[in-house]
Amino acid sequence: MFWPKKKVDPDKCRHEYGTWEYQSTDSCRQIRVCQHCGQAGNYGRSNHSWGAWQYVDEHDNSCWQTRFCQRCGQQKAGRGRIQHTWGQWEMVAGSNCRKKRHCQSCSLAETVADHQWGPWTAVAPDSCEQVMVCQQCGQQERQGTTYTRCPQCQYNCLQQYQRTIKPQVVASRRAAIDWEDINASQKEVWYECAHCGAKLAGFYQSS
């Protein structure tokens, strides 16, 4: 003989909640129901099913896009995103190396430089500093390395180097050492010539 399951008083039930389920077909709110007494949990959650990105209004010349939930129709919170439809690059009149393009929806313009760089060459026969020149507009781009004149070969190729030095401490002598002096590291600075290879002693500085 089949005996129906006895109904449990929700106030006395030790709840065991099942899986998350949608509260209704047109809602994105999900709840969990106790498997013993059928009472819904105190806390729910929203689980939207976002659709594809789409323009908010195709007729207002805007490039803003947003997404809508496919279940409840709610618009996704936040600023959305911008999706431009760029046209072809065109050279700017009166400028050899600048070109511009426009968005076909909102008319926003974007301009970039399109230089035709030549090879890296020395700025002078006795210098290691290099420069490259645009073959169209003549703009120059220099390397970031800074050189000074070497006292041995007289080339402008002397470059500065440095490294941080941490003091070595012997464990048995740590109690007698001033820790403020130990924690203050130093920087060793010296110079090397990229042309003749000369290495010149530098100096130390506290950091």
Protein backbone atom coordinates (compact mmCIF):
# COMPACT_ATOMS: atom_id res chain seq x y z
CA MET A 1 0.00 0.00 0.00
CA PHE A 2 1.31 3.51 -0.91
CA TRP A 3 1.63 5.95 1.94
CA PRO A 4 1.80 9.66 0.97
CA LYS A 5 4.81 11.62 2.21
CA LYS A 6 4.06 13.41 5.44
CA LYS A 7 4.04 17.18 5.12
CA VAL A 8 6.74 18.89 7.18
CA ASP A 9 6.05 22.05 9.14
CA PRO A 10 8.27 24.78 7.58
CA ASP A 11 8.92 26.28 11.03
CA LYS A 12 10.37 22.99 12.26
CA CYS A 13 12.05 21.88 9.02
CA ARG A 14 15.79 21.60 8.68
CA HIS A 15 15.78 22.93 5.13
CA GLU A 16 17.63 21.23 2.31
CA TYR A 17 17.32 23.38 -0.79
CA GLY A 18 17.35 22.00 -4.31
CA THR A 19 18.79 23.49 -7.48
CA TRP A 20 18.18 27.04 -8.69
CA GLU A 21 15.01 27.38 -10.79
CA TYR A 22 13.36 30.33 -12.50
CA GLN A 23 10.41 31.73 -10.58
CA SER A 24 8.36 32.22 -13.79
CA THR A 25 8.80 31.91 -17.56
CA ASP A 26 9.08 35.69 -18.12
CA SER A 27 11.27 36.42 -15.10
CA CYS A 28 14.99 36.04 -14.54
CA ARG A 29 14.70 35.70 -10.79
CA GLN A 30 15.76 32.29 -9.56
CA ILE A 31 14.86 30.66 -6.25
CA ARG A 32 15.56 27.40 -4.47
CA VAL A 33 12.83 25.38 -2.76
CA CYS A 34 13.26 23.12 0.25
CA GLN A 35 12.94 19.48 -0.77
CA HIS A 36 11.09 18.62 2.46
CA CYS A 37 8.59 21.40 3.18
CA GLY A 38 8.44 23.23 -0.16
CA GLN A 39 9.32 26.63 1.31
CA ALA A 40 11.35 28.98 -0.88
CA GLY A 41 14.68 30.25 0.40
CA ASN A 42 15.03 33.75 1.80
CA TYR A 43 17.54 34.71 -0.85
CA GLY A 44 17.10 34.64 -4.62
CA ARG A 45 19.29 35.64 -7.51
CA SER A 46 18.99 37.08 -10.99
CA ASN A 47 20.34 35.05 -13.88
CA HIS A 48 19.86 36.95 -17.12
CA SER A 49 20.35 35.50 -20.59
CA TRP A 50 21.98 38.38 -22.43
CA GLY A 51 21.54 38.64 -26.16
CA ALA A 52 23.92 39.97 -28.78
CA TRP A 53 25.24 43.54 -28.76
CA GLN A 54 22.97 45.91 -30.69
CA TYR A 55 22.79 49.63 -31.35
CA VAL A 56 20.43 51.50 -29.04
CA ASP A 57 18.89 53.50 -31.89
CA GLU A 58 19.97 52.97 -35.49
CA HIS A 59 18.64 56.41 -36.52
CA ASP A 60 20.38 58.74 -34.01
CA ASN A 61 23.88 58.45 -35.53
CA SER A 62 25.13 56.85 -32.34
CA CYS A 63 27.70 54.10 -31.99
CA TRP A 64 26.62 53.09 -28.50
CA GLN A 65 25.66 49.44 -28.19
CA THR A 66 23.89 47.61 -25.42
CA ARG A 67 22.44 44.17 -24.71
CA PHE A 68 18.99 43.04 -23.61
CA CYS A 69 17.95 39.95 -21.68
CA GLN A 70 16.23 37.42 -23.92
CA ARG A 71 13.93 36.31 -21.08
CA CYS A 72 12.73 39.49 -19.35
CA GLY A 73 13.81 42.22 -21.78
CA GLN A 74 15.90 44.11 -19.20
CA GLN A 75 18.69 46.27 -20.56
CA LYS A 76 22.15 45.41 -19.28
CA ALA A 77 23.30 47.89 -16.65
CA GLY A 78 26.32 50.07 -17.29
CA ARG A 79 27.49 52.25 -20.16
CA GLY A 80 27.48 49.52 -22.77
CA ARG A 81 30.18 49.80 -25.41
CA ILE A 82 31.12 51.84 -28.45
CA GLN A 83 31.40 50.06 -31.79
CA HIS A 84 32.45 52.33 -34.64
CA THR A 85 32.11 51.52 -38.32
CA TRP A 86 35.29 52.96 -39.76
CA GLY A 87 35.72 54.03 -43.35
CA GLN A 88 38.91 53.92 -45.43
CA TRP A 89 42.09 55.76 -44.45
CA GLU A 90 42.70 58.93 -46.49
CA MET A 91 45.80 61.12 -46.55
CA VAL A 92 45.36 64.58 -44.97
CA ALA A 93 45.81 67.41 -47.44
CA GLY A 94 49.00 69.40 -46.86
CA SER A 95 50.57 66.71 -44.70
CA ASN A 96 52.84 64.05 -46.14
CA CYS A 97 52.54 61.53 -43.34
CA ARG A 98 49.18 62.02 -41.62
CA LYS A 99 46.06 60.15 -42.61
CA LYS A 100 42.47 60.25 -41.35
CA ARG A 101 39.38 58.08 -41.33
CA HIS A 102 35.77 58.74 -40.27
CA CYS A 103 33.14 56.59 -38.60
CA GLN A 104 30.28 56.05 -41.03
CA SER A 105 27.71 56.17 -38.20
CA CYS A 106 28.70 59.04 -35.87
CA SER A 107 31.28 60.86 -38.09
CA LEU A 108 34.00 60.65 -35.42
CA ALA A 109 37.44 61.27 -36.96
CA GLU A 110 40.65 59.42 -36.14
CA THR A 111 44.06 60.67 -37.27
CA VAL A 112 47.38 58.81 -37.19
CA ALA A 113 50.90 59.37 -38.49
CA ASP A 114 52.18 57.00 -41.17
CA HIS A 115 55.88 57.76 -41.50
CA GLN A 116 58.20 56.07 -43.97
CA TRP A 117 61.26 55.62 -41.76
CA GLY A 118 64.71 55.17 -43.22
CA PRO A 119 67.49 53.09 -41.62
CA TRP A 120 69.21 53.98 -38.34
CA THR A 121 72.35 56.05 -39.04
CA ALA A 122 74.92 57.80 -36.85
CA VAL A 123 74.31 61.52 -36.30
CA ALA A 124 78.04 62.14 -36.88
CA PRO A 125 81.08 60.06 -37.96
CA ASP A 126 82.53 60.21 -34.41
CA SER A 127 79.26 59.52 -32.55
CA CYS A 128 77.40 56.37 -31.46
CA GLU A 129 74.11 58.24 -31.25
CA GLN A 130 71.75 57.12 -34.01
CA VAL A 131 68.81 58.71 -35.74
CA MET A 132 66.29 57.69 -38.37
CA VAL A 133 64.58 60.15 -40.70
CA CYS A 134 61.18 59.91 -42.37
CA GLN A 135 61.73 59.82 -46.12
CA GLN A 136 58.53 61.78 -46.77
CA CYS A 137 58.33 64.61 -44.21
CA GLY A 138 61.84 64.67 -42.75
CA GLN A 139 60.79 64.07 -39.12
CA GLN A 140 63.57 62.56 -36.98
CA GLU A 141 63.40 59.83 -34.35
CA ARG A 142 66.40 59.44 -32.04
CA GLN A 143 67.37 56.47 -29.91
CA GLY A 144 66.91 56.88 -26.17
CA THR A 145 70.56 56.15 -25.23
CA THR A 146 72.54 59.17 -24.03
CA TYR A 147 76.27 59.30 -24.83
CA THR A 148 79.12 61.58 -23.77
CA ARG A 149 82.61 62.00 -25.23
CA CYS A 150 85.14 59.29 -24.38
CA PRO A 151 88.48 60.74 -23.08
CA GLN A 152 90.48 57.93 -24.73
CA CYS A 153 89.14 57.67 -28.31
CA GLN A 154 87.42 61.09 -28.40
CA TYR A 155 84.24 59.51 -29.80
CA ASN A 156 80.88 60.55 -28.46
CA CYS A 157 80.22 56.95 -27.35
CA LEU A 158 80.63 56.93 -23.56
CA GLN A 159 77.59 55.46 -21.83
CA GLN A 160 76.72 55.45 -18.12
CA TYR A 161 75.83 52.22 -16.27
CA GLN A 162 74.75 51.64 -12.66
CA ARG A 163 73.74 48.87 -10.31
CA THR A 164 72.42 48.67 -6.74
CA ILE A 165 74.70 47.13 -4.12
CA LYS A 166 73.31 45.53 -0.95
CA PRO A 167 75.84 45.31 1.93
CA GLN A 168 76.98 41.82 2.95
CA VAL A 169 76.43 41.10 6.67
CA VAL A 170 78.17 38.32 8.62
CA ALA A 171 75.72 36.59 10.97
CA SER A 172 78.11 36.54 13.96
CA ARG A 173 78.65 40.33 13.71
CA ARG A 174 75.03 41.42 13.27
CA ALA A 175 74.60 42.45 16.93
CA ALA A 176 77.41 45.01 16.69
CA ILE A 177 76.31 46.59 13.39
CA ASP A 178 74.24 49.73 12.99
CA TRP A 179 71.20 48.45 11.07
CA GLU A 180 70.40 51.92 9.68
CA ASP A 181 73.72 51.87 7.82
CA ILE A 182 73.11 48.32 6.57
CA ASN A 183 69.61 49.02 5.21
CA ALA A 184 70.86 52.04 3.25
CA SER A 185 71.97 50.48 -0.05
CA GLN A 186 74.36 52.13 -2.52
CA LYS A 187 74.53 52.54 -6.27
CA GLU A 188 77.71 51.90 -8.20
CA VAL A 189 78.07 54.10 -11.28
CA TRP A 190 80.65 53.57 -14.05
CA TYR A 191 81.16 54.34 -17.76
CA GLU A 192 81.90 52.22 -20.83
CA CYS A 193 82.71 53.31 -24.37
CA ALA A 194 80.70 51.62 -27.12
CA HIS A 195 83.41 52.45 -29.68
CA CYS A 196 86.78 51.56 -28.13
CA GLY A 197 85.57 49.44 -25.21
CA ALA A 198 87.21 51.55 -22.52
CA LYS A 199 85.81 51.14 -18.99
CA LEU A 200 86.13 54.10 -16.65
CA ALA A 201 85.66 53.89 -12.91
CA GLY A 202 82.78 55.91 -11.59
CA PHE A 203 81.55 56.59 -8.09
CA TYR A 204 79.19 55.36 -5.36
CA GLN A 205 76.09 57.10 -4.11
CA SER A 206 73.69 56.26 -1.28
CA SER A 207 70.09 55.48 -2.09
